[in-house]
Amino acid sequence: MSTGSVMSVLPHVGFFVLSVVLPLVIRQTEGKKSEFVRHHSTEALNFQLTFLAVWLSGFIAIVTIAVTTSAPDGSVSAFIALPFVLMFGIFAGGAAMSIVGAVRANRGEWWRYPLSIRFVPGARGPHE
């Protein structure tokens, strides 16, 4: 595995470690030297920012449900389990997408996350 492919795999693995920090650092350092690394670090950064926004929305939903459905005795409705299940599914999907991104980067493919908001420009388009 060459250095370029290692640096293009690491941003995707950042999902499990440092979230947005790792792809941002790689984008700002090694991404200036290689268009391929810049593409993958930008893709990973955008996906992880999207994931963070969804995750925070889920957390707000849990707190809102807990506050609005709590009984006078302090017990919380079983309805609160739904956002936890959804958040687990979202995490599992995010983990799977990050693994796919890492594998594709390792193969040398110009891959884009299918479910991602493009907050940060700089990723190469699919036909560029």
C-alpha atoms as a PDB file:
ATOM      1  CA  MET A   1       0.000   0.000   0.000  1.00  0.00           C
ATOM      2  CA  SER A   2       1.484   3.352  -0.986  1.00  0.00           C
ATOM      3  CA  THR A   3       1.522   6.447   1.199  1.00  0.00           C
ATOM      4  CA  GLY A   4      -1.150   8.060  -0.971  1.00  0.00           C
ATOM      5  CA  SER A   5      -3.518   5.190  -0.426  1.00  0.00           C
ATOM      6  CA  VAL A   6      -2.838   5.132   3.325  1.00  0.00           C
ATOM      7  CA  MET A   7      -3.598   8.841   3.532  1.00  0.00           C
ATOM      8  CA  SER A   8      -6.766   8.340   1.486  1.00  0.00           C
ATOM      9  CA  VAL A   9      -7.968   5.474   3.727  1.00  0.00           C
ATOM     10  CA  LEU A  10      -7.346   7.221   7.065  1.00  0.00           C
ATOM     11  CA  PRO A  11     -10.039   9.926   6.718  1.00  0.00           C
ATOM     12  CA  HIS A  12     -12.708   7.244   6.328  1.00  0.00           C
ATOM     13  CA  VAL A  13     -11.416   5.413   9.406  1.00  0.00           C
ATOM     14  CA  GLY A  14     -11.755   8.717  11.277  1.00  0.00           C
ATOM     15  CA  PHE A  15     -15.443   7.856  11.668  1.00  0.00           C
ATOM     16  CA  PHE A  16     -14.402   5.428  14.393  1.00  0.00           C
ATOM     17  CA  VAL A  17     -11.682   7.557  15.984  1.00  0.00           C
ATOM     18  CA  LEU A  18     -11.708  11.341  15.799  1.00  0.00           C
ATOM     19  CA  SER A  19     -14.777  12.022  13.665  1.00  0.00           C
ATOM     20  CA  VAL A  20     -14.270  15.266  11.725  1.00  0.00           C
ATOM     21  CA  VAL A  21     -10.812  16.060  13.107  1.00  0.00           C
ATOM     22  CA  LEU A  22      -8.845  13.368  11.259  1.00  0.00           C
ATOM     23  CA  PRO A  23     -10.211  14.021   7.741  1.00  0.00           C
ATOM     24  CA  LEU A  24      -9.859  17.775   8.280  1.00  0.00           C
ATOM     25  CA  VAL A  25      -6.205  17.476   9.324  1.00  0.00           C
ATOM     26  CA  ILE A  26      -5.401  15.130   6.438  1.00  0.00           C
ATOM     27  CA  ARG A  27      -7.224  17.401   3.993  1.00  0.00           C
ATOM     28  CA  GLN A  28      -5.247  20.425   5.184  1.00  0.00           C
ATOM     29  CA  THR A  29      -1.883  18.628   5.105  1.00  0.00           C
ATOM     30  CA  GLU A  30      -1.585  15.682   2.697  1.00  0.00           C
ATOM     31  CA  GLY A  31      -4.582  16.848   0.671  1.00  0.00           C
ATOM     32  CA  LYS A  32      -2.501  19.742  -0.625  1.00  0.00           C
ATOM     33  CA  LYS A  33      -0.015  17.272  -2.106  1.00  0.00           C
ATOM     34  CA  SER A  34      -2.404  14.787  -3.729  1.00  0.00           C
ATOM     35  CA  GLU A  35      -5.714  15.338  -5.491  1.00  0.00           C
ATOM     36  CA  PHE A  36      -6.735  11.752  -4.663  1.00  0.00           C
ATOM     37  CA  VAL A  37      -6.105  12.258  -0.925  1.00  0.00           C
ATOM     38  CA  ARG A  38      -7.901  15.616  -1.051  1.00  0.00           C
ATOM     39  CA  HIS A  39     -10.911  13.980  -2.692  1.00  0.00           C
ATOM     40  CA  HIS A  40     -11.202  11.209  -0.113  1.00  0.00           C
ATOM     41  CA  SER A  41     -10.530  13.440   2.885  1.00  0.00           C
ATOM     42  CA  THR A  42     -13.146  15.937   1.639  1.00  0.00           C
ATOM     43  CA  GLU A  43     -15.663  13.151   1.058  1.00  0.00           C
ATOM     44  CA  ALA A  44     -15.037  11.694   4.517  1.00  0.00           C
ATOM     45  CA  LEU A  45     -15.238  15.145   6.120  1.00  0.00           C
ATOM     46  CA  ASN A  46     -18.556  15.930   4.411  1.00  0.00           C
ATOM     47  CA  PHE A  47     -20.005  12.552   5.358  1.00  0.00           C
ATOM     48  CA  GLN A  48     -18.914  12.869   8.956  1.00  0.00           C
ATOM     49  CA  LEU A  49     -20.325  16.409   9.197  1.00  0.00           C
ATOM     50  CA  THR A  50     -23.608  15.089   7.788  1.00  0.00           C
ATOM     51  CA  PHE A  51     -23.527  12.207  10.269  1.00  0.00           C
ATOM     52  CA  LEU A  52     -22.811  14.626  13.141  1.00  0.00           C
ATOM     53  CA  ALA A  53     -25.809  16.787  12.175  1.00  0.00           C
ATOM     54  CA  VAL A  54     -28.095  13.745  12.038  1.00  0.00           C
ATOM     55  CA  TRP A  55     -26.683  12.374  15.298  1.00  0.00           C
ATOM     56  CA  LEU A  56     -27.228  15.701  17.108  1.00  0.00           C
ATOM     57  CA  SER A  57     -30.788  15.838  15.752  1.00  0.00           C
ATOM     58  CA  GLY A  58     -31.393  12.370  17.186  1.00  0.00           C
ATOM     59  CA  PHE A  59     -30.012  13.447  20.550  1.00  0.00           C
ATOM     60  CA  ILE A  60     -32.310  16.484  20.559  1.00  0.00           C
ATOM     61  CA  ALA A  61     -35.231  14.186  19.683  1.00  0.00           C
ATOM     62  CA  ILE A  62     -34.388  11.903  22.619  1.00  0.00           C
ATOM     63  CA  VAL A  63     -34.219  14.803  25.062  1.00  0.00           C
ATOM     64  CA  THR A  64     -37.452  16.293  23.686  1.00  0.00           C
ATOM     65  CA  ILE A  65     -39.289  12.972  23.942  1.00  0.00           C
ATOM     66  CA  ALA A  66     -37.937  12.374  27.445  1.00  0.00           C
ATOM     67  CA  VAL A  67     -39.082  15.800  28.632  1.00  0.00           C
ATOM     68  CA  THR A  68     -42.482  15.776  26.942  1.00  0.00           C
ATOM     69  CA  THR A  69     -43.475  12.204  27.794  1.00  0.00           C
ATOM     70  CA  SER A  70     -42.223  11.994  31.358  1.00  0.00           C
ATOM     71  CA  ALA A  71     -44.875  11.228  33.941  1.00  0.00           C
ATOM     72  CA  PRO A  72     -45.314  13.229  37.159  1.00  0.00           C
ATOM     73  CA  ASP A  73     -43.596  10.430  39.073  1.00  0.00           C
ATOM     74  CA  GLY A  74     -40.437  10.884  36.944  1.00  0.00           C
ATOM     75  CA  SER A  75     -40.797   7.786  34.796  1.00  0.00           C
ATOM     76  CA  VAL A  76     -40.228   8.098  31.055  1.00  0.00           C
ATOM     77  CA  SER A  77     -42.389   6.604  28.321  1.00  0.00           C
ATOM     78  CA  ALA A  78     -41.221   3.524  26.457  1.00  0.00           C
ATOM     79  CA  PHE A  79     -41.610   5.641  23.313  1.00  0.00           C
ATOM     80  CA  ILE A  80     -38.118   6.974  23.980  1.00  0.00           C
ATOM     81  CA  ALA A  81     -36.689   3.641  22.800  1.00  0.00           C
ATOM     82  CA  LEU A  82     -37.556   4.500  19.175  1.00  0.00           C
ATOM     83  CA  PRO A  83     -34.912   7.234  18.727  1.00  0.00           C
ATOM     84  CA  PHE A  84     -32.308   4.978  20.383  1.00  0.00           C
ATOM     85  CA  VAL A  85     -33.063   2.220  17.884  1.00  0.00           C
ATOM     86  CA  LEU A  86     -32.965   4.695  14.998  1.00  0.00           C
ATOM     87  CA  MET A  87     -29.677   6.167  16.203  1.00  0.00           C
ATOM     88  CA  PHE A  88     -28.151   2.700  16.445  1.00  0.00           C
ATOM     89  CA  GLY A  89     -29.238   2.032  12.854  1.00  0.00           C
ATOM     90  CA  ILE A  90     -27.814   5.358  11.734  1.00  0.00           C
ATOM     91  CA  PHE A  91     -24.517   4.591  13.456  1.00  0.00           C
ATOM     92  CA  ALA A  92     -24.362   1.127  11.882  1.00  0.00           C
ATOM     93  CA  GLY A  93     -25.072   2.612   8.458  1.00  0.00           C
ATOM     94  CA  GLY A  94     -22.444   5.296   8.955  1.00  0.00           C
ATOM     95  CA  ALA A  95     -19.899   2.715  10.038  1.00  0.00           C
ATOM     96  CA  ALA A  96     -20.674   0.565   7.001  1.00  0.00           C
ATOM     97  CA  MET A  97     -20.376   3.532   4.618  1.00  0.00           C
ATOM     98  CA  SER A  98     -17.039   4.522   6.167  1.00  0.00           C
ATOM     99  CA  ILE A  99     -15.721   1.003   5.726  1.00  0.00           C
ATOM    100  CA  VAL A 100     -16.831   1.007   2.079  1.00  0.00           C
ATOM    101  CA  GLY A 101     -15.103   4.379   1.612  1.00  0.00           C
ATOM    102  CA  ALA A 102     -11.881   3.050   3.127  1.00  0.00           C
ATOM    103  CA  VAL A 103     -11.955  -0.065   0.939  1.00  0.00           C
ATOM    104  CA  ARG A 104     -12.645   1.961  -2.204  1.00  0.00           C
ATOM    105  CA  ALA A 105      -9.837   4.410  -1.365  1.00  0.00           C
ATOM    106  CA  ASN A 106      -7.483   1.505  -0.782  1.00  0.00           C
ATOM    107  CA  ARG A 107      -8.374   0.155  -4.251  1.00  0.00           C
ATOM    108  CA  GLY A 108      -7.573   3.535  -5.789  1.00  0.00           C
ATOM    109  CA  GLU A 109     -11.179   4.344  -6.742  1.00  0.00           C
ATOM    110  CA  TRP A 110     -12.619   7.881  -6.823  1.00  0.00           C
ATOM    111  CA  TRP A 111     -15.630   7.132  -4.648  1.00  0.00           C
ATOM    112  CA  ARG A 112     -18.352   9.438  -3.266  1.00  0.00           C
ATOM    113  CA  TYR A 113     -20.658   8.803  -0.326  1.00  0.00           C
ATOM    114  CA  PRO A 114     -24.217   8.403  -1.641  1.00  0.00           C
ATOM    115  CA  LEU A 115     -25.825  10.097   1.398  1.00  0.00           C
ATOM    116  CA  SER A 116     -23.848  13.188   2.214  1.00  0.00           C
ATOM    117  CA  ILE A 117     -24.359  16.929   2.257  1.00  0.00           C
ATOM    118  CA  ARG A 118     -21.472  18.644   0.471  1.00  0.00           C
ATOM    119  CA  PHE A 119     -20.592  21.201   3.163  1.00  0.00           C
ATOM    120  CA  VAL A 120     -16.937  21.467   2.111  1.00  0.00           C
ATOM    121  CA  PRO A 121     -16.043  21.809  -1.582  1.00  0.00           C
ATOM    122  CA  GLY A 122     -13.041  20.086  -3.066  1.00  0.00           C
ATOM    123  CA  ALA A 123     -14.116  16.544  -3.799  1.00  0.00           C
ATOM    124  CA  ARG A 124     -13.860  15.455  -7.390  1.00  0.00           C
ATOM    125  CA  GLY A 125     -17.163  14.787  -9.117  1.00  0.00           C
ATOM    126  CA  PRO A 126     -18.009  11.317 -10.420  1.00  0.00           C
ATOM    127  CA  HIS A 127     -17.349  12.273 -14.065  1.00  0.00           C
ATOM    128  CA  GLU A 128     -14.522  14.755 -13.692  1.00  0.00           C
END
